[in-house]
Every structure is written in C-alpha cells, then in structure tokens.
Amino acid sequence: MKAGAAVGVLLAFLASAGSLPAQTPLLRSGDFSLDLGGYALSLTGIHDAGFSLPSGESRSGFHSDVARLEWRARWGDELLLEAHDRVQVRVTTSTSALSGSVAGFGVSAVPGRAVDLESVWIDDDRLRAWHDVDRLALTVYTDLADVTVGRQAITWGTSLLFPVADLWAQFSPFELDTEEKPGADALRVLAYPARGLEVDGVVADRGSRGVSVGGRAAWSLASADVWAGAGRLWNEAMAMGGITWIFENAKLRGEAVVSRDLDRDQWLDPRITLGADWIGSRLSLTAEYHFNGLGAASASDYPARLSSASFQRGESYYLGRQYVGALASWAVDAQQRIHVSGSVLVNLGDPSAALLPDVSWDVGQAARISVGGLLTAGRDPSFAGAVPELRSEYGTYGSLGYGRMSIYF
C-alpha cells in the first residue's frame, strides 16, 4: 500500500486501556530463557469519499488482520536475541486507489532494507496477504555500552502528532497497528558515560538508498530534558535538538531539525514542532504547532509532494507547511478500562481539518474492543481536468468508521 494513497486514522496517541500480559515463558535452562508474546488485531470499516470518483464507487468496505509473534531468547545478563514475525491480510471491496487504501495495518513506509524478509502470498486488486520478519536483533550488554545489531526499533524525538526527529522509522499518521513501529536494519550503540547522560550512535542500512549515520546525546537535568544530534540521513546532512521543560503535571516541548540537501548542495527549510502536555490521573491533553519545511507551499504542489522521495520513505508524512493539532484521552472509569480519545489535525494553509474520535474498552482476558472514525473538512478534489486536482489535504480523505478487536498474549 503506497503511503501517498493511504487514508486512515491516527491512533498512536491512544492511551493504554489497562495492563497487557507479559511474555509467556517457554523454556528455562540455567542462564538461558526463551519467552513468547504477541498480539492479533482485526479491523473492519466503511469509507465514504464524500464526492464522486471518475471510476469506482465512492463508498467501500475494508478489513485487515495482523497476527504478530514476539520471540525473546536471553543468555544471562549479557545477550538478548529478539525476533518478531507477523502475518497480515488486507481486503477491500474497491479497486480504486483512493478507497482501496483507506485504512488498515502496514501503511507506514517500510525502512529501506538490503535484506528482504517478506513473503507475499496473495497480491491483487482487492486482497493482499503476506508474512514478514519485523524484528531480528541481537543485543550485547557490556559495562561500556549496549550494542544491538539487526532489525530493531529506534525512536528519537518527543513530538506526538508531528514528529520531526524520528527519522530512522516512524508511523504514518494513517497507521492502525501502532503496537510496534517498523524495524530498521542498523547497528546501534547506547552508552551511559555519566549520570543523567545517554549517548546514542546509529549506523542504518537504507537498502538502495545507501547508509545513514547519526549520533545523539540526551541529558536529564533537574527541571528539563535536553538532547542534541547530528548525522547524514539519506542524502541530507542534519543537525537536530530539543528540550522538554518538566513541571508537576505539565510539560513544554520544542524540537527542530535543520538539514542540507547534499545532492543539490542547498539548505532546506527547517522542521519545527512546539508542544505542551497536561497529564492528570484520568485525563491527558496535548497541543502542538508544526512547521514542515518539506511541505508544499500551496495545494497545487501536493502531487509533487506526494511523489517526493522524503514523503515516500516516511521522512515526513504531511503535505502542507503549517499545522496545529490537539489530542485528549480520558479514562471514563476509575479502573481505566474504558478510554475515550480524540484528536484534531488542522492544515492552516488549505485550510482543512480532520477529527479522529476513538472509544476503547478493555473487556478483560487481554482483549480490547475499539470503535472510531475519521471526519474531515476541506475542499474536495476536482476531477474536471485530465489530471486530478487536490484542493486541500484533509478534504481529500472523506470519512470512515471502524471497529477493532485486539487480543494480546
């Protein structure tokens, strides 16, 4: 599923609806242990484009399933081997690129990889089924540093709605399987040379896009967390940094990335996200402003942005330049088994907006049921000419409703 055609909902902000089971012990022998965990997710929904399509139905149904096994083998306190394999199935009633790629699992851009561990079983207009290995990494723990080599999850930055520094692999805002982020093939070294100081070095394989290299240092101070980093990622030289001021029940955040295109030998406009969080016992609130230096200055430039290398590889999933967003999560009951969550994303340039509600219920026995949807406002695309004209970002997405079942083990 191409990221440029994906239309779905943002669920990465959803708060946990209760504790999940730990991995199940399979084998214990001396210092060696083997554990297994995982989950199965099932999603069904209906999408309505809200406008007539030149070909195909404007209303469609879709269904996605994913089953993930998470294996963990440990040898004492020195070695850890992790492997995650998963099976995914996606079905849609429409062959239209717009309505056929509405929402589901696996819509985030897969990091470039020289070694392909994916097996596609079925791939046609309405049905796709495949298996892949999304984690395969060995970690060696030493007194000097923790060294991990292989396919692994790497997260930089603190932004929630509009990431700017999470450049190794990040979720598409249309991804519904946010339990585990895409794994990047990399060598990572984590060291803690002093109290409150973390140093992180990464060398990542990008497949046909070569190798990316980066370093990051983070300091935990009395009232703030500060980090700074630099590297060569894809064809860009980057410098980045951020700070989080911590108060009793609130945080103020800011982070930015400045980059230079090495192929064209020119500076790119920065990417900046400013945020604020309020965290209560049952209610959490977040607001963010985002300047996307990679975005298009006007809606007429959206097609070029969709086909750009930075968008296709998941460096930034947003089309415009200036955004504001907010999200909230409320635990309805004292046991925190029922959560009501909502998010709003606003493209200030179009203007257009998306409202994303979700209700999640932890029914017990490691099972969770969610219902939600996507409501949008903005100008519809025009199909009057030979080439479709996108006149707003979120106005193109239409609306949808979905139900989801999650089982953890």
Protein backbone atom coordinates (compact mmCIF):
# COMPACT_ATOMS: atom_id res chain seq x y z
CA MET A 1 0.00 0.00 0.00
CA LYS A 2 1.54 3.30 -1.09
CA ALA A 3 1.74 5.92 1.66
CA GLY A 4 0.58 8.61 -0.77
CA ALA A 5 -2.71 6.77 -1.30
CA ALA A 6 -3.32 5.83 2.30
CA VAL A 7 -6.22 7.48 4.09
CA GLY A 8 -6.90 6.43 7.66
CA VAL A 9 -6.77 7.49 11.25
CA LEU A 10 -4.14 8.45 13.80
CA LEU A 11 -4.12 6.07 16.76
CA ALA A 12 -0.59 6.46 18.08
CA PHE A 13 -1.86 8.85 20.77
CA LEU A 14 -4.30 6.36 22.29
CA ALA A 15 -3.60 5.73 25.95
CA SER A 16 -3.28 2.20 27.24
CA ALA A 17 -6.59 0.72 28.34
CA GLY A 18 -5.11 -1.44 31.06
CA SER A 19 -2.10 -3.63 31.65
CA LEU A 20 -1.21 -6.21 29.00
CA PRO A 21 0.10 -9.70 29.68
CA ALA A 22 3.82 -10.26 29.86
CA GLN A 23 5.57 -12.71 27.56
CA THR A 24 4.94 -16.39 28.31
CA PRO A 25 7.97 -18.42 29.46
CA LEU A 26 8.61 -21.32 27.07
CA LEU A 27 11.95 -22.63 28.28
CA ARG A 28 14.26 -22.17 31.26
CA SER A 29 17.67 -23.83 31.40
CA GLY A 30 20.39 -22.36 33.59
CA ASP A 31 21.09 -18.82 32.38
CA PHE A 32 19.09 -19.37 29.17
CA SER A 33 15.42 -18.39 28.80
CA LEU A 34 13.01 -18.35 25.84
CA ASP A 35 9.78 -16.32 26.00
CA LEU A 36 6.92 -15.76 23.57
CA GLY A 37 4.37 -12.96 23.36
CA GLY A 38 2.41 -11.14 20.73
CA TYR A 39 -1.00 -9.99 19.63
CA ALA A 40 -3.70 -10.36 16.99
CA LEU A 41 -5.60 -7.34 15.68
CA SER A 42 -8.67 -7.28 13.46
CA LEU A 43 -10.15 -4.16 11.87
CA THR A 44 -13.34 -3.68 9.83
CA GLY A 45 -14.65 -0.39 8.49
CA ILE A 46 -16.56 1.59 5.89
CA HIS A 47 -15.15 4.54 3.96
CA ASP A 48 -17.11 7.25 2.14
CA ALA A 49 -15.09 9.58 -0.07
CA GLY A 50 -17.80 12.24 0.15
CA PHE A 51 -17.54 13.02 -3.57
CA SER A 52 -17.99 11.20 -6.88
CA LEU A 53 -14.98 9.37 -8.24
CA PRO A 54 -14.34 9.23 -12.00
CA SER A 55 -14.12 5.44 -11.75
CA GLY A 56 -15.16 3.09 -8.98
CA GLU A 57 -17.53 3.50 -6.06
CA SER A 58 -17.14 6.40 -3.65
CA ARG A 59 -18.18 4.12 -0.77
CA SER A 60 -16.27 0.98 0.10
CA GLY A 61 -15.68 -1.55 2.86
CA PHE A 62 -12.34 -2.78 4.12
CA HIS A 63 -10.97 -5.39 6.51
CA SER A 64 -7.47 -6.00 7.85
CA ASP A 65 -5.94 -8.60 10.15
CA VAL A 66 -2.48 -8.87 11.65
CA ALA A 67 -1.01 -11.57 13.89
CA ARG A 68 2.41 -10.96 15.44
CA LEU A 69 4.63 -13.39 17.36
CA GLU A 70 7.36 -11.85 19.53
CA TRP A 71 10.19 -14.23 20.44
CA ARG A 72 12.82 -13.35 23.04
CA ALA A 73 15.85 -15.51 23.93
CA ARG A 74 18.16 -14.37 26.72
CA TRP A 75 21.52 -15.73 27.89
CA GLY A 76 22.07 -14.36 31.38
CA ASP A 77 22.54 -10.60 31.55
CA GLU A 78 24.89 -10.45 28.56
CA LEU A 79 22.92 -11.45 25.43
CA LEU A 80 19.38 -10.87 24.15
CA LEU A 81 18.01 -12.10 20.81
CA GLU A 82 14.64 -10.76 19.64
CA ALA A 83 12.66 -11.89 16.60
CA HIS A 84 9.16 -10.77 15.59
CA ASP A 85 7.34 -12.38 12.69
CA ARG A 86 3.86 -11.43 11.56
CA VAL A 87 1.17 -12.32 9.05
CA GLN A 88 -1.02 -9.59 7.56
CA VAL A 89 -4.14 -9.74 5.40
CA ARG A 90 -5.94 -6.81 3.81
CA VAL A 91 -9.25 -6.95 1.91
CA THR A 92 -11.18 -4.12 0.24
CA THR A 93 -14.37 -4.02 -1.83
CA SER A 94 -12.98 -1.40 -4.21
CA THR A 95 -10.14 -1.33 -6.71
CA SER A 96 -9.92 2.49 -6.54
CA ALA A 97 -6.57 3.74 -5.26
CA LEU A 98 -8.38 6.24 -3.03
CA SER A 99 -10.96 3.97 -1.44
CA GLY A 100 -8.96 0.76 -1.74
CA SER A 101 -6.19 2.09 0.51
CA VAL A 102 -8.38 3.70 3.12
CA ALA A 103 -7.05 2.43 6.41
CA GLY A 104 -5.52 -0.63 7.93
CA PHE A 105 -2.31 -2.22 9.05
CA GLY A 106 1.01 -1.86 7.27
CA VAL A 107 0.51 1.57 5.70
CA SER A 108 3.65 3.08 7.20
CA ALA A 109 6.62 3.35 4.86
CA VAL A 110 8.89 0.36 5.36
CA PRO A 111 12.52 1.42 6.04
CA GLY A 112 14.93 0.68 3.23
CA ARG A 113 16.45 -2.77 3.69
CA ALA A 114 19.12 -4.60 1.72
CA VAL A 115 17.81 -7.96 3.02
CA ASP A 116 14.19 -8.71 2.13
CA LEU A 117 12.50 -10.91 4.75
CA GLU A 118 8.96 -10.52 3.35
CA SER A 119 6.97 -13.25 1.59
CA VAL A 120 3.91 -12.15 -0.37
CA TRP A 121 1.31 -14.89 -0.60
CA ILE A 122 -1.51 -13.10 -2.46
CA ASP A 123 -1.40 -9.67 -4.11
CA ASP A 124 -4.27 -8.50 -6.28
CA ASP A 125 -6.60 -5.51 -6.52
CA ARG A 126 -8.85 -6.49 -3.60
CA LEU A 127 -6.80 -8.91 -1.48
CA ARG A 128 -3.25 -8.91 -0.19
CA ALA A 129 -1.74 -11.43 2.24
CA TRP A 130 1.90 -11.52 3.31
CA HIS A 131 4.37 -12.53 6.01
CA ASP A 132 7.42 -10.60 7.17
CA VAL A 133 10.06 -10.51 9.89
CA ASP A 134 9.95 -7.07 11.51
CA ARG A 135 12.48 -7.69 14.30
CA LEU A 136 15.65 -9.74 14.21
CA ALA A 137 18.26 -8.23 16.50
CA LEU A 138 20.98 -9.34 18.89
CA THR A 139 21.92 -7.11 21.85
CA VAL A 140 25.18 -7.48 23.75
CA TYR A 141 25.26 -5.80 27.17
CA THR A 142 28.68 -4.66 28.40
CA ASP A 143 29.96 -2.33 31.12
CA LEU A 144 30.76 0.31 28.50
CA ALA A 145 27.69 0.20 26.23
CA ASP A 146 24.73 -1.80 24.96
CA VAL A 147 25.35 -2.87 21.35
CA THR A 148 22.44 -4.01 19.14
CA VAL A 149 22.82 -5.27 15.59
CA GLY A 150 19.96 -6.25 13.28
CA ARG A 151 16.36 -5.22 12.63
CA GLN A 152 15.22 -3.11 15.58
CA ALA A 153 13.03 -0.19 16.66
CA ILE A 154 14.78 3.17 17.09
CA THR A 155 12.99 6.28 18.32
CA TRP A 156 14.38 9.80 18.52
CA GLY A 157 12.46 12.93 19.49
CA THR A 158 9.48 13.71 21.71
CA SER A 159 6.76 15.04 19.38
CA LEU A 160 3.50 13.09 19.32
CA LEU A 161 1.39 14.36 16.41
CA PHE A 162 4.10 15.92 14.23
CA PRO A 163 7.45 14.08 14.62
CA VAL A 164 10.47 15.86 13.17
CA ALA A 165 13.40 13.86 14.63
CA ASP A 166 12.02 10.30 14.48
CA LEU A 167 13.92 9.69 11.25
CA TRP A 168 15.01 6.05 11.41
CA ALA A 169 11.44 4.76 11.04
CA GLN A 170 8.16 6.33 12.10
CA PHE A 171 4.46 5.62 11.90
CA SER A 172 2.36 7.04 9.13
CA PRO A 173 -0.45 9.14 10.64
CA PHE A 174 -2.76 6.65 8.88
CA GLU A 175 -1.36 3.53 10.56
CA LEU A 176 -3.73 1.49 12.72
CA ASP A 177 -1.21 -1.04 14.03
CA THR A 178 0.77 1.18 16.38
CA GLU A 179 1.70 -1.56 18.84
CA GLU A 180 5.19 -1.86 17.33
CA LYS A 181 6.90 0.59 14.97
CA PRO A 182 8.67 -0.60 11.80
CA GLY A 183 12.09 -2.10 12.41
CA ALA A 184 15.21 -0.59 10.84
CA ASP A 185 18.29 -2.64 9.96
CA ALA A 186 21.03 -0.99 11.97
CA LEU A 187 23.99 -1.16 14.32
CA ARG A 188 23.17 0.80 17.47
CA VAL A 189 25.40 1.63 20.42
CA LEU A 190 23.84 3.02 23.62
CA ALA A 191 26.17 4.27 26.34
CA TYR A 192 25.64 5.98 29.69
CA PRO A 193 29.00 7.61 30.47
CA ALA A 194 27.68 9.80 33.31
CA ARG A 195 24.64 10.11 35.50
CA GLY A 196 21.75 11.57 33.53
CA LEU A 197 23.63 11.35 30.20
CA GLU A 198 22.73 8.98 27.36
CA VAL A 199 24.79 8.74 24.15
CA ASP A 200 23.24 7.01 21.15
CA GLY A 201 25.04 6.13 17.91
CA VAL A 202 23.34 4.52 14.89
CA VAL A 203 24.54 3.19 11.53
CA ALA A 204 21.48 2.14 9.50
CA ASP A 205 21.15 0.27 6.23
CA ARG A 206 18.78 2.05 3.80
CA GLY A 207 18.82 -0.59 1.08
CA SER A 208 19.12 1.07 -2.33
CA ARG A 209 19.40 4.46 -0.57
CA GLY A 210 22.76 3.61 0.97
CA VAL A 211 23.70 4.00 4.63
CA SER A 212 22.61 6.60 7.20
CA VAL A 213 24.75 7.53 10.20
CA GLY A 214 23.74 9.59 13.23
CA GLY A 215 24.59 10.37 16.82
CA ARG A 216 22.52 11.77 19.68
CA ALA A 217 23.20 12.83 23.27
CA ALA A 218 20.45 13.37 25.86
CA TRP A 219 20.80 14.99 29.27
CA SER A 220 18.32 14.68 32.16
CA LEU A 221 18.51 17.83 34.26
CA ALA A 222 16.64 18.84 37.39
CA SER A 223 13.76 20.56 35.59
CA ALA A 224 14.33 19.75 31.92
CA ASP A 225 15.45 17.11 29.45
CA VAL A 226 17.75 18.32 26.65
CA TRP A 227 19.02 16.48 23.59
CA ALA A 228 21.10 17.23 20.51
CA GLY A 229 22.10 15.18 17.50
CA ALA A 230 23.58 15.21 14.01
CA GLY A 231 24.14 12.86 11.12
CA ARG A 232 23.92 12.00 7.48
CA LEU A 233 20.48 10.56 6.79
CA TRP A 234 19.62 9.56 3.22
CA ASN A 235 21.04 12.40 1.06
CA GLU A 236 20.83 15.03 3.80
CA ALA A 237 23.25 16.32 6.42
CA MET A 238 21.20 17.07 9.54
CA ALA A 239 21.52 18.83 12.86
CA MET A 240 18.74 18.49 15.40
CA GLY A 241 17.89 19.17 19.00
CA GLY A 242 15.12 19.57 21.52
CA ILE A 243 14.19 20.47 25.07
CA THR A 244 11.39 19.48 27.41
CA TRP A 245 10.61 21.57 30.48
CA ILE A 246 9.01 19.44 33.17
CA PHE A 247 6.51 20.78 35.68
CA GLU A 248 4.40 18.98 38.27
CA ASN A 249 1.57 17.93 35.90
CA ALA A 250 2.67 19.54 32.66
CA LYS A 251 5.41 19.66 30.04
CA LEU A 252 6.51 22.22 27.48
CA ARG A 253 8.39 20.82 24.48
CA GLY A 254 10.25 22.06 21.46
CA GLU A 255 12.42 20.35 18.87
CA ALA A 256 13.78 21.19 15.44
CA VAL A 257 15.72 19.68 12.54
CA VAL A 258 17.88 21.66 10.11
CA SER A 259 19.14 19.83 7.03
CA ARG A 260 21.16 20.37 3.88
CA ASP A 261 20.45 18.51 0.65
CA LEU A 262 23.84 17.08 -0.33
CA ASP A 263 22.79 16.25 -3.90
CA ARG A 264 21.59 19.78 -4.67
CA ASP A 265 24.04 21.44 -2.25
CA GLN A 266 21.42 23.68 -0.66
CA TRP A 267 19.85 24.25 2.75
CA LEU A 268 16.28 23.07 3.29
CA ASP A 269 13.70 24.89 5.37
CA PRO A 270 13.68 23.63 8.99
CA ARG A 271 11.14 21.34 10.59
CA ILE A 272 9.92 22.54 13.98
CA THR A 273 7.38 21.23 16.48
CA LEU A 274 6.34 23.05 19.66
CA GLY A 275 4.13 21.21 22.14
CA ALA A 276 2.51 21.29 25.55
CA ASP A 277 1.19 18.37 27.61
CA TRP A 278 -1.01 18.19 30.68
CA ILE A 279 -1.16 14.80 32.39
CA GLY A 280 -3.77 14.01 35.02
CA SER A 281 -4.75 10.79 36.74
CA ARG A 282 -7.52 10.12 34.20
CA LEU A 283 -7.34 12.96 31.67
CA SER A 284 -4.40 13.79 29.40
CA LEU A 285 -4.21 16.74 26.97
CA THR A 286 -1.68 17.65 24.29
CA ALA A 287 -1.37 20.54 21.83
CA GLU A 288 1.26 21.00 19.11
CA TYR A 289 2.24 23.51 16.44
CA HIS A 290 4.25 22.23 13.48
CA PHE A 291 6.21 23.92 10.72
CA ASN A 292 7.01 21.41 7.98
CA GLY A 293 9.90 22.72 5.91
CA LEU A 294 9.48 19.84 3.48
CA GLY A 295 5.82 20.66 2.81
CA ALA A 296 4.24 22.26 -0.26
CA ALA A 297 3.54 25.99 -0.18
CA SER A 298 0.15 25.55 -1.90
CA ALA A 299 -2.33 22.76 -2.64
CA SER A 300 -1.37 22.84 -6.32
CA ASP A 301 2.04 21.46 -5.31
CA TYR A 302 0.60 18.50 -3.35
CA PRO A 303 1.04 15.95 -6.20
CA ALA A 304 4.75 16.74 -6.36
CA ARG A 305 4.98 16.41 -2.59
CA LEU A 306 3.21 13.03 -2.67
CA SER A 307 5.73 11.69 -5.18
CA SER A 308 8.77 13.20 -3.44
CA ALA A 309 11.44 10.90 -2.02
CA SER A 310 11.07 12.32 1.51
CA PHE A 311 7.35 11.53 1.57
CA GLN A 312 7.67 8.07 0.04
CA ARG A 313 10.37 6.98 2.51
CA GLY A 314 8.39 8.30 5.51
CA GLU A 315 10.70 11.15 6.46
CA SER A 316 7.61 13.38 6.75
CA TYR A 317 4.03 12.29 6.02
CA TYR A 318 2.43 15.75 5.91
CA LEU A 319 1.75 17.65 2.68
CA GLY A 320 1.49 21.27 3.85
CA ARG A 321 3.77 23.59 5.78
CA GLN A 322 1.94 24.80 8.88
CA TYR A 323 -0.22 22.75 11.23
CA VAL A 324 -1.80 22.82 14.64
CA GLY A 325 -3.10 19.75 16.41
CA ALA A 326 -4.54 18.61 19.72
CA LEU A 327 -5.39 15.32 21.35
CA ALA A 328 -7.08 14.18 24.51
CA SER A 329 -7.52 10.87 26.31
CA TRP A 330 -9.94 10.32 29.19
CA ALA A 331 -10.27 7.22 31.36
CA VAL A 332 -14.02 7.03 31.95
CA ASP A 333 -13.90 4.65 34.91
CA ALA A 334 -11.62 4.52 37.92
CA GLN A 335 -10.24 1.13 36.82
CA GLN A 336 -9.23 2.75 33.48
CA ARG A 337 -10.82 0.03 31.40
CA ILE A 338 -12.76 2.43 29.17
CA HIS A 339 -10.97 5.25 27.32
CA VAL A 340 -12.44 7.98 25.17
CA SER A 341 -9.83 9.58 22.93
CA GLY A 342 -9.94 12.28 20.30
CA SER A 343 -7.56 14.12 18.03
CA VAL A 344 -7.86 17.06 15.67
CA LEU A 345 -5.33 17.94 12.95
CA VAL A 346 -5.54 21.26 11.11
CA ASN A 347 -3.63 22.22 7.96
CA LEU A 348 -3.52 26.01 8.22
CA GLY A 349 -2.57 26.51 4.59
CA ASP A 350 -5.60 24.87 2.89
CA PRO A 351 -7.31 25.23 5.31
CA SER A 352 -8.58 21.72 6.12
CA ALA A 353 -9.05 19.63 9.25
CA ALA A 354 -9.50 16.07 10.46
CA LEU A 355 -11.32 14.94 13.62
CA LEU A 356 -10.45 11.45 14.87
CA PRO A 357 -12.54 10.03 17.73
CA ASP A 358 -11.99 6.63 19.34
CA VAL A 359 -13.58 4.68 22.22
CA SER A 360 -11.64 1.75 23.64
CA TRP A 361 -12.87 -0.86 26.15
CA ASP A 362 -10.64 -3.37 27.90
CA VAL A 363 -13.06 -6.28 28.21
CA GLY A 364 -10.66 -8.42 30.25
CA GLN A 365 -8.74 -11.60 29.43
CA ALA A 366 -6.22 -9.46 27.48
CA ALA A 367 -8.86 -8.41 24.94
CA ARG A 368 -9.75 -4.90 23.82
CA ILE A 369 -12.55 -3.56 21.61
CA SER A 370 -12.36 -0.15 19.89
CA VAL A 371 -14.71 1.85 17.70
CA GLY A 372 -13.76 5.07 16.00
CA GLY A 373 -13.72 7.07 12.83
CA LEU A 374 -12.46 9.97 10.78
CA LEU A 375 -14.39 13.15 10.00
CA THR A 376 -12.85 15.73 7.70
CA ALA A 377 -13.46 19.27 6.50
CA GLY A 378 -11.89 20.88 3.45
CA ARG A 379 -12.29 21.33 -0.29
CA ASP A 380 -12.94 18.17 -2.31
CA PRO A 381 -10.53 17.25 -5.11
CA SER A 382 -11.53 18.16 -8.65
CA PHE A 383 -11.63 15.61 -11.46
CA ALA A 384 -12.68 18.07 -14.17
CA GLY A 385 -9.31 18.10 -15.94
CA ALA A 386 -7.14 15.37 -17.38
CA VAL A 387 -5.17 15.30 -14.11
CA PRO A 388 -6.99 15.26 -10.72
CA GLU A 389 -6.54 18.47 -8.73
CA LEU A 390 -6.04 18.24 -4.97
CA ARG A 391 -7.51 21.38 -3.41
CA SER A 392 -6.94 20.51 0.25
CA GLU A 393 -5.15 17.83 2.24
CA TYR A 394 -7.82 16.53 4.60
CA GLY A 395 -10.71 17.32 2.26
CA THR A 396 -9.39 14.52 0.05
CA TYR A 397 -9.72 11.88 2.75
CA GLY A 398 -13.51 11.62 3.13
CA SER A 399 -14.91 9.96 6.23
CA LEU A 400 -14.81 6.49 7.71
CA GLY A 401 -15.97 4.43 10.66
CA TYR A 402 -14.30 1.29 12.01
CA GLY A 403 -14.39 -1.36 14.69
CA ARG A 404 -11.31 -3.13 16.01
CA MET A 405 -10.65 -6.16 18.18
CA SER A 406 -7.25 -6.67 19.84
CA ILE A 407 -6.09 -9.79 21.67
CA TYR A 408 -2.75 -9.91 23.49
CA PHE A 409 -0.82 -12.95 24.73
